[in-house]
Protein backbone atom coordinates (compact mmCIF):
# COMPACT_ATOMS: atom_id res chain seq x y z
CA MET A 1 -0.01 0.00 -0.02
CA PHE A 2 2.75 2.48 0.92
CA GLN A 3 4.63 1.61 -2.29
CA THR A 4 1.53 2.41 -4.30
CA MET A 5 1.11 5.69 -2.52
CA ARG A 6 4.72 6.67 -3.13
CA ASN A 7 4.47 5.79 -6.78
CA ALA A 8 1.19 7.71 -7.23
CA TRP A 9 2.87 10.74 -5.60
CA GLN A 10 5.47 10.82 -8.33
CA ILE A 11 2.78 11.34 -11.01
CA PRO A 12 1.66 15.03 -11.19
CA GLU A 13 -2.01 14.37 -11.94
CA LEU A 14 -2.37 11.86 -9.09
CA ARG A 15 -0.41 14.13 -6.87
CA LYS A 16 -2.97 16.98 -7.40
CA LYS A 17 -5.81 14.57 -6.66
CA LEU A 18 -4.21 13.34 -3.44
CA LEU A 19 -3.50 16.96 -2.37
CA PHE A 20 -7.08 17.96 -3.21
CA THR A 21 -8.43 15.05 -1.11
CA LEU A 22 -6.28 15.92 1.74
CA LEU A 23 -7.37 19.58 1.56
CA ILE A 24 -11.10 18.64 1.61
CA LEU A 25 -10.47 16.29 4.59
CA LEU A 26 -8.66 19.13 6.35
CA LEU A 27 -11.58 21.48 5.79
CA TYR A 28 -13.96 18.87 7.06
CA ARG A 29 -11.85 18.45 10.26
CA VAL A 30 -11.79 22.14 10.82
CA GLY A 31 -15.64 22.23 10.55
CA ASN A 32 -15.72 19.33 13.02
CA VAL A 33 -14.39 21.46 15.78
CA ILE A 34 -16.53 24.56 15.25
CA PRO A 35 -19.29 24.50 17.89
CA VAL A 36 -22.94 25.51 17.20
CA PRO A 37 -23.99 28.68 19.12
CA TYR A 38 -26.04 28.57 22.35
CA ILE A 39 -24.67 25.10 23.43
CA ASP A 40 -22.42 24.36 26.39
CA VAL A 41 -20.03 21.93 24.78
CA ALA A 42 -18.24 20.93 28.05
CA THR A 43 -21.44 19.96 29.82
CA LEU A 44 -22.71 17.98 26.69
CA SER A 45 -19.44 16.10 26.26
CA ASN A 46 -19.38 15.13 30.04
CA TYR A 47 -23.01 13.97 29.92
CA PHE A 48 -22.36 12.08 26.69
CA GLU A 49 -19.39 10.29 27.98
CA THR A 50 -21.02 9.19 31.25
CA THR A 51 -24.50 8.32 29.98
CA LEU A 52 -24.91 8.08 26.21
CA SER A 53 -21.76 6.31 25.01
CA THR A 54 -23.52 2.81 25.14
CA THR A 55 -26.54 3.91 23.14
CA ILE A 56 -27.17 4.30 19.47
CA LEU A 57 -25.85 7.81 19.81
CA GLY A 58 -22.47 6.31 20.68
CA LEU A 59 -22.38 4.78 17.16
CA TYR A 60 -23.37 8.17 15.55
CA ASN A 61 -20.59 9.77 17.56
CA ALA A 62 -18.00 7.35 16.38
CA MET A 63 -19.11 7.86 12.73
CA SER A 64 -18.90 11.63 13.13
CA GLY A 65 -15.42 11.67 14.74
CA SER A 66 -16.60 12.80 18.14
CA ALA A 67 -18.43 15.83 16.59
CA PHE A 68 -21.89 14.52 17.59
CA SER A 69 -20.89 14.63 21.34
CA GLN A 70 -19.57 18.16 20.98
CA ALA A 71 -22.48 19.67 18.94
CA THR A 72 -20.30 21.04 16.27
CA VAL A 73 -21.45 22.33 12.85
CA PHE A 74 -20.76 18.90 11.30
CA ALA A 75 -22.27 17.05 14.26
CA LEU A 76 -24.69 15.04 11.97
CA GLY A 77 -21.78 14.13 9.82
CA ILE A 78 -22.43 12.03 6.77
CA GLN A 79 -25.32 10.07 8.40
CA PRO A 80 -28.14 12.06 6.60
CA TYR A 81 -26.58 11.38 3.25
CA ILE A 82 -25.97 7.68 3.99
CA ASN A 83 -29.60 7.30 5.24
CA ALA A 84 -31.01 9.10 2.28
CA SER A 85 -28.94 6.93 -0.10
CA ILE A 86 -30.17 3.71 1.48
CA ILE A 87 -33.85 4.97 1.49
CA ILE A 88 -33.70 5.93 -2.25
CA GLN A 89 -31.99 2.57 -2.98
CA LEU A 90 -34.80 0.67 -1.32
CA LEU A 91 -37.47 2.92 -2.92
CA THR A 92 -36.06 2.08 -6.38
CA ILE A 93 -37.20 -1.48 -5.71
CA ALA A 94 -40.55 -0.63 -4.27
CA ILE A 95 -41.57 2.21 -6.61
CA PRO A 96 -41.73 1.14 -10.41
CA ALA A 97 -41.17 4.76 -11.68
CA LEU A 98 -37.88 4.96 -9.76
CA GLU A 99 -36.92 1.46 -10.86
CA ARG A 100 -37.37 2.35 -14.51
CA LEU A 101 -35.48 5.64 -13.98
CA ALA A 102 -32.52 3.61 -12.50
CA LYS A 103 -32.50 0.83 -15.08
CA GLU A 104 -33.55 2.56 -18.27
CA GLY A 105 -32.85 6.28 -17.65
CA GLY A 106 -29.16 6.02 -18.47
CA GLU A 107 -26.93 8.83 -17.39
CA GLU A 108 -29.78 11.29 -17.20
CA GLY A 109 -31.69 8.95 -14.93
CA LYS A 110 -28.72 8.54 -12.71
CA LYS A 111 -28.42 12.27 -12.28
CA LYS A 112 -32.13 12.57 -11.38
CA ILE A 113 -31.70 9.91 -8.68
CA GLU A 114 -28.69 11.76 -7.36
CA ARG A 115 -30.72 14.96 -7.29
CA ILE A 116 -33.50 13.23 -5.37
CA THR A 117 -30.85 11.86 -2.95
CA ARG A 118 -29.52 15.39 -2.40
CA TYR A 119 -32.99 16.79 -1.60
CA SER A 120 -33.66 13.84 0.69
CA THR A 121 -30.38 14.51 2.50
CA VAL A 122 -31.43 18.07 3.22
CA GLY A 123 -34.84 16.89 4.48
CA LEU A 124 -33.29 14.21 6.76
CA GLY A 125 -30.75 16.80 7.96
CA LEU A 126 -33.47 19.12 8.94
CA LEU A 127 -35.40 16.37 10.72
CA MET A 128 -32.31 14.96 12.50
CA GLY A 129 -31.24 18.56 13.49
CA TRP A 130 -34.64 19.14 15.04
CA ALA A 131 -34.47 15.87 16.89
CA TYR A 132 -31.00 16.62 18.18
CA TYR A 133 -32.18 20.06 19.40
CA MET A 134 -35.18 18.46 21.18
CA MET A 135 -32.86 15.98 22.87
CA LEU A 136 -30.58 18.74 24.06
CA ASN A 137 -33.57 20.72 25.23
CA ASN A 138 -34.96 17.77 27.20
CA TYR A 139 -31.55 17.36 28.89
CA SER A 140 -31.45 21.05 29.70
CA SER A 141 -34.87 20.77 31.27
CA SER A 142 -33.56 17.94 33.47
CA GLY A 143 -31.02 20.33 35.06
CA PHE A 144 -27.92 19.88 32.93
CA ALA A 145 -27.98 23.33 31.29
CA ILE A 146 -26.69 22.16 27.94
CA ILE A 147 -28.55 24.95 25.98
CA THR A 148 -27.42 28.34 27.23
CA LYS A 149 -30.24 30.34 25.72
CA SER A 150 -33.91 29.32 25.12
CA GLY A 151 -36.42 30.66 22.67
CA PHE A 152 -37.48 30.36 19.00
CA MET A 153 -34.55 32.20 17.43
CA PRO A 154 -31.86 30.17 19.21
CA ALA A 155 -33.69 27.00 18.41
CA LEU A 156 -33.95 27.99 14.70
CA VAL A 157 -30.19 28.88 14.65
CA ILE A 158 -29.24 25.51 16.14
CA VAL A 159 -31.39 23.39 13.82
CA LEU A 160 -30.44 25.29 10.64
CA ALA A 161 -26.81 25.07 11.63
CA PHE A 162 -27.00 21.28 11.94
CA THR A 163 -28.86 21.10 8.61
CA ALA A 164 -26.46 23.33 6.79
CA GLY A 165 -23.55 21.31 8.19
CA SER A 166 -24.98 18.04 6.79
CA ALA A 167 -25.44 19.61 3.42
CA VAL A 168 -21.84 20.91 3.36
CA VAL A 169 -20.54 17.49 4.31
CA MET A 170 -22.44 15.95 1.46
CA TRP A 171 -20.94 18.55 -0.88
CA LEU A 172 -17.43 17.87 0.38
CA GLY A 173 -17.91 14.14 -0.19
CA GLU A 174 -19.07 14.73 -3.71
CA GLN A 175 -16.08 16.91 -4.37
CA ILE A 176 -13.66 14.14 -3.33
CA THR A 177 -15.50 11.63 -5.53
CA GLU A 178 -15.35 13.88 -8.58
CA PHE A 179 -11.91 15.57 -8.24
CA GLY A 180 -9.98 13.49 -5.69
CA ILE A 181 -9.19 9.86 -4.99
CA GLY A 182 -11.76 7.24 -3.94
CA ASN A 183 -15.30 7.50 -2.74
CA GLY A 184 -15.85 10.77 -0.92
CA ILE A 185 -18.28 9.43 1.66
CA SER A 186 -15.94 6.55 2.51
CA MET A 187 -13.01 8.92 2.79
CA ILE A 188 -14.88 11.15 5.30
CA LEU A 189 -16.00 8.07 7.38
CA PHE A 190 -12.24 7.02 7.20
CA ALA A 191 -11.05 10.40 8.51
CA ASN A 192 -13.62 10.42 11.36
CA ILE A 193 -12.55 7.01 12.65
CA ILE A 194 -8.86 7.70 12.25
CA SER A 195 -9.29 10.92 14.28
CA SER A 196 -9.89 8.73 17.46
CA LEU A 197 -6.45 6.98 16.98
CA PRO A 198 -4.49 9.33 19.34
CA ALA A 199 -7.01 8.65 22.16
CA THR A 200 -6.80 4.91 21.45
CA LEU A 201 -3.01 4.97 21.59
CA ASN A 202 -3.11 6.97 24.85
CA THR A 203 -5.37 4.38 26.38
CA LEU A 204 -3.19 1.56 24.95
CA PHE A 205 -0.07 3.05 26.61
CA GLY A 206 -1.81 3.19 29.94
CA MET A 207 -2.35 -0.64 29.98
CA THR A 208 0.03 -3.24 31.30
CA TRP A 209 2.55 -4.36 28.67
CA TRP A 210 1.13 -7.85 28.22
CA VAL A 211 -2.39 -6.61 27.62
CA ALA A 212 -1.16 -3.98 25.21
CA LEU A 213 0.84 -6.57 23.32
CA LEU A 214 -2.23 -8.88 23.21
CA VAL A 215 -4.44 -6.10 21.84
CA VAL A 216 -1.82 -5.16 19.13
CA VAL A 217 -1.48 -8.81 18.03
CA ALA A 218 -5.21 -9.30 17.96
CA MET A 219 -5.78 -6.17 15.97
CA ALA A 220 -3.09 -7.24 13.42
CA ALA A 221 -4.69 -10.64 13.06
CA LEU A 222 -8.19 -9.06 12.69
CA VAL A 223 -6.94 -6.67 9.97
CA LEU A 224 -5.31 -9.60 8.00
CA PHE A 225 -8.54 -11.53 8.33
CA ILE A 226 -10.61 -8.53 7.00
CA VAL A 227 -8.20 -8.11 4.07
CA PHE A 228 -8.44 -11.76 3.22
CA ILE A 229 -12.21 -12.00 3.28
CA ASN A 230 -12.58 -8.59 1.49
CA ASP A 231 -10.76 -10.01 -1.61
CA ALA A 232 -12.38 -13.39 -1.42
CA GLU A 233 -14.97 -14.36 -4.01
CA ARG A 234 -16.86 -17.31 -5.41
CA ARG A 235 -16.45 -17.53 -9.17
CA ILE A 236 -19.17 -19.37 -11.04
CA PRO A 237 -17.88 -20.58 -14.44
CA ILE A 238 -19.82 -19.19 -17.44
CA GLN A 239 -19.48 -20.42 -21.06
CA TYR A 240 -20.85 -18.59 -24.14
CA ALA A 241 -22.01 -20.60 -27.15
CA LYS A 242 -20.49 -20.00 -30.50
CA ARG A 243 -22.61 -18.18 -33.04
CA VAL A 244 -22.01 -17.92 -36.77
CA VAL A 245 -22.99 -14.56 -38.35
CA GLY A 246 -22.05 -14.56 -42.00
CA ARG A 247 -18.48 -15.69 -42.16
CA LYS A 248 -17.54 -14.66 -38.59
CA VAL A 249 -17.83 -16.80 -35.45
CA TYR A 250 -18.85 -15.02 -32.20
CA GLY A 251 -18.75 -16.28 -28.60
CA GLY A 252 -17.23 -19.50 -27.47
CA GLN A 253 -15.11 -17.92 -24.74
CA ASN A 254 -15.09 -18.92 -21.10
CA THR A 255 -15.55 -16.46 -18.25
CA ASN A 256 -16.88 -16.42 -14.73
CA LEU A 257 -19.48 -14.72 -12.54
CA PRO A 258 -17.65 -13.39 -9.45
CA ILE A 259 -19.69 -13.11 -6.22
CA LYS A 260 -17.88 -11.52 -3.31
CA VAL A 261 -17.99 -13.09 0.06
CA SER A 262 -18.43 -9.68 1.75
CA MET A 263 -21.05 -8.62 -0.75
CA SER A 264 -22.98 -6.43 1.75
CA GLY A 265 -19.90 -4.65 3.22
CA VAL A 266 -20.37 -2.99 6.56
CA LEU A 267 -24.05 -2.03 6.17
CA PRO A 268 -25.49 -5.06 8.07
CA VAL A 269 -23.24 -4.28 11.02
CA ILE A 270 -24.29 -0.64 11.06
CA PHE A 271 -28.04 -1.51 10.77
CA ALA A 272 -27.77 -4.27 13.45
CA GLY A 273 -25.93 -1.97 15.84
CA SER A 274 -28.47 0.72 15.38
CA ILE A 275 -31.47 -1.48 16.04
CA CYS A 276 -29.86 -3.37 18.96
CA SER A 277 -28.92 -0.08 20.64
CA LEU A 278 -32.52 1.32 20.49
CA PRO A 279 -33.69 -0.15 23.80
CA ALA A 280 -30.67 1.33 25.62
CA THR A 281 -31.34 4.67 23.83
CA VAL A 282 -34.97 4.67 24.98
CA ALA A 283 -33.93 3.71 28.48
CA THR A 284 -31.40 6.61 28.58
CA PHE A 285 -34.06 9.14 27.37
CA MET A 286 -36.33 7.87 30.16
CA GLY A 287 -33.52 8.16 32.68
CA LYS A 288 -33.50 4.41 33.59
CA THR A 289 -29.97 3.29 33.08
CA SER A 290 -29.43 1.12 36.08
CA GLY A 291 -30.88 -2.17 37.43
CA TRP A 292 -30.59 -5.80 36.64
CA TRP A 293 -32.80 -5.68 33.50
CA TYR A 294 -30.61 -2.89 31.90
CA GLU A 295 -27.29 -4.40 32.76
CA ASN A 296 -28.26 -8.00 31.58
CA LEU A 297 -30.60 -7.29 28.75
CA TRP A 298 -29.99 -3.91 27.13
CA SER A 299 -26.34 -3.11 27.91
CA SER A 300 -24.00 -3.41 24.98
CA SER A 301 -21.77 -5.81 26.90
CA SER A 302 -24.45 -8.27 27.91
CA ALA A 303 -24.86 -11.71 26.46
CA VAL A 304 -28.42 -11.08 25.28
CA TYR A 305 -27.24 -8.03 23.37
CA CYS A 306 -24.45 -10.09 21.67
CA VAL A 307 -26.88 -12.75 20.61
CA MET A 308 -29.35 -10.28 19.20
CA TYR A 309 -26.59 -8.38 17.52
CA GLY A 310 -25.37 -11.57 15.74
CA LEU A 311 -28.94 -12.53 14.70
CA MET A 312 -29.57 -9.01 13.28
CA ILE A 313 -26.35 -9.19 11.31
CA PHE A 314 -27.46 -12.45 9.77
CA PHE A 315 -30.84 -10.94 8.87
CA PHE A 316 -29.54 -7.77 7.27
CA SER A 317 -26.87 -9.70 5.35
CA TRP A 318 -29.62 -11.90 3.85
CA PHE A 319 -31.77 -8.89 3.25
CA TYR A 320 -29.08 -7.00 1.42
CA SER A 321 -28.09 -9.99 -0.75
CA THR A 322 -31.74 -10.25 -1.98
CA ILE A 323 -31.59 -6.55 -3.01
CA GLN A 324 -28.18 -6.76 -4.60
CA TYR A 325 -28.51 -10.07 -6.44
CA ASP A 326 -31.53 -11.31 -8.36
CA PRO A 327 -30.86 -14.84 -9.51
CA VAL A 328 -33.73 -14.80 -11.98
CA GLU A 329 -32.47 -11.63 -13.63
CA ILE A 330 -28.89 -12.92 -13.78
CA SER A 331 -30.17 -16.13 -15.38
CA ASN A 332 -32.29 -14.18 -17.92
CA ASN A 333 -29.23 -12.00 -18.80
CA LEU A 334 -27.03 -15.00 -19.37
CA LYS A 335 -29.70 -16.61 -21.57
CA LYS A 336 -30.11 -13.50 -23.69
CA ASN A 337 -26.39 -13.26 -24.32
CA GLY A 338 -25.97 -16.95 -25.14
CA GLY A 339 -24.19 -17.74 -21.86
CA PHE A 340 -24.75 -20.74 -19.55
CA ILE A 341 -23.31 -22.45 -16.51
CA PRO A 342 -21.82 -25.84 -17.41
CA GLY A 343 -24.07 -28.68 -16.17
CA PHE A 344 -27.18 -26.58 -15.70
CA ARG A 345 -29.92 -25.73 -18.30
CA PRO A 346 -30.70 -22.05 -18.99
CA GLY A 347 -33.66 -20.67 -17.18
CA LYS A 348 -34.94 -21.85 -13.86
CA PRO A 349 -32.24 -24.50 -13.17
CA THR A 350 -29.55 -21.82 -13.65
CA ALA A 351 -31.50 -19.35 -11.37
CA ASP A 352 -31.86 -22.01 -8.68
CA PHE A 353 -28.16 -22.90 -8.70
CA ILE A 354 -27.18 -19.21 -8.43
CA LYS A 355 -29.64 -18.71 -5.60
CA LYS A 356 -28.12 -21.78 -3.83
CA VAL A 357 -24.58 -20.45 -4.17
CA ILE A 358 -25.55 -16.95 -2.96
CA SER A 359 -27.40 -18.45 0.11
CA LYS A 360 -24.15 -20.31 1.06
CA ILE A 361 -22.00 -17.20 0.56
CA VAL A 362 -24.42 -15.04 2.59
CA VAL A 363 -24.07 -17.43 5.56
CA PHE A 364 -20.28 -17.32 5.41
CA GLY A 365 -20.23 -13.58 4.99
CA ALA A 366 -22.61 -13.12 7.92
CA VAL A 367 -20.44 -15.30 10.10
CA TYR A 368 -17.43 -13.20 9.17
CA LEU A 369 -19.25 -9.93 9.97
CA ALA A 370 -20.51 -11.31 13.29
CA ILE A 371 -17.02 -12.40 14.34
CA VAL A 372 -15.50 -9.01 13.50
CA ALA A 373 -18.29 -7.14 15.23
CA LEU A 374 -18.53 -9.23 18.31
CA LEU A 375 -14.85 -9.78 18.91
CA PRO A 376 -14.18 -6.37 20.45
CA ILE A 377 -17.24 -6.72 22.72
CA VAL A 378 -16.15 -10.22 23.89
CA ALA A 379 -12.62 -9.03 24.42
CA GLY A 380 -13.83 -6.03 26.46
CA ASN A 381 -15.68 -8.35 28.79
CA LEU A 382 -12.73 -10.75 29.19
CA VAL A 383 -9.74 -8.40 29.45
CA ASP A 384 -9.68 -5.37 31.70
CA GLY A 385 -8.97 -2.03 29.88
CA VAL A 386 -9.99 -3.27 26.37
CA LYS A 387 -13.53 -1.83 26.84
CA ASN A 388 -11.96 1.63 27.20
CA LEU A 389 -10.45 1.44 23.73
CA SER A 390 -12.48 3.23 21.10
CA ILE A 391 -12.23 0.23 18.73
CA GLY A 392 -15.28 -1.46 17.22
CA GLY A 393 -15.87 -4.01 14.49
CA THR A 394 -17.60 -1.50 12.41
CA SER A 395 -14.69 0.99 12.65
CA VAL A 396 -12.12 -1.68 11.72
CA ILE A 397 -14.10 -2.86 8.70
CA ILE A 398 -14.55 0.64 7.36
CA VAL A 399 -10.95 1.68 7.85
CA VAL A 400 -9.61 -1.47 6.16
CA GLY A 401 -12.06 -1.39 3.42
CA VAL A 402 -11.53 2.31 2.55
CA ALA A 403 -7.68 1.78 2.56
CA LEU A 404 -7.99 -1.15 0.11
CA GLU A 405 -10.49 0.82 -2.11
CA THR A 406 -8.11 3.79 -2.17
CA VAL A 407 -5.16 1.64 -3.15
CA LYS A 408 -7.12 -0.06 -5.93
CA ALA A 409 -8.26 3.34 -7.24
CA LEU A 410 -4.66 4.53 -7.34
CA GLU A 411 -3.48 1.39 -9.14
CA ALA A 412 -6.30 1.79 -11.64
CA GLN A 413 -5.29 5.39 -12.29
CA MET A 414 -1.66 4.42 -12.83
CA LEU A 415 -2.53 1.54 -15.13
CA MET A 416 -4.64 3.91 -17.26
CA ARG A 417 -1.59 6.12 -17.75
CA HIS A 418 0.59 3.13 -18.77
CA TYR A 419 3.30 3.84 -16.22
CA LYS A 420 5.26 0.59 -16.44
CA GLY A 421 7.08 -0.80 -13.44
CA PHE A 422 5.06 1.02 -10.81
CA LEU A 423 2.97 -2.12 -9.86
CA ASP A 424 5.81 -4.61 -9.88
């Protein structure tokens, strides 16, 4: 990876793209420390650390680079855009008009869907900004004095500041995607998670040497495991029949249909964590964060939570695979192009075989995601001090995945420019 980065730096065009990406990330980090007016940041951070870190808001805080717990301009981060993208993606399956626009609209249809996603992001940002203000207002009413000034105008300023921040973050991500390196949204998530690295190292240095060594070895093994699974895929052999058109022969070549083991990426882990944290979030809002039922049922370190977390990961992995892969459509496309899987007749037998293969891969991929997501929780319960590390399965998968995608994007850019010897 470092060799690829060094080689890319030597190419003027790629150097400009890398510098542009770093500049946008720097601007984003600057916005991440600008507080919204009329909010006591110190009181909010202290309350968040002592009460809300185990709820769904803790996941939002990690995804925003601690901006959520400090009520900065970019407190909502990239979450409104991610939620809007997922909602529009699901609606393209449920609404025939959007489905036709996505499949048959071409480049113009893609632009219209992107425009709808942007408008939805602003709407969700407004809704989430209002919900955040109401949460702060409720805490202020409980005696924490988080909001320093009440009234309509302060409330309007706070909500609009959060909404505008989410729109600016969306724009920054799009700039990286268009003029920089890699996917802009992924790069912003990467920067948010990496920003907690100094605090993690500080906690690590405060541990005993054997615990710190164990954590470092476990993290290295986990990263290697994620890299291995991220590149793993099941290749279904495909053959194309020969066709004679005039005096020319077309087809006859052999290829394959690659199906990635981690086809759903980190989305099942994010969805599962959000839903499993909802009871703890509700309990926090109601002020009931103690007692046997909370510690053993709703706490993020309880056995019941881990079991539910794993089951939800399996469910969302299966759900996402049904959206991403349609065996009937794949079989019909192969049949139209004269392709077939050796040993299976075109049509329903081919669709059944592809569905069977995808079902097996989904199970293996879900097991992989469950191991990565639950390992930090189990380690935190077994080893003292590990729970204080700001390391989660979701964070590790995102960091490793974005790093691999960035390297592949740089390699693709260098290959396009025919710079020989750089990839040896």
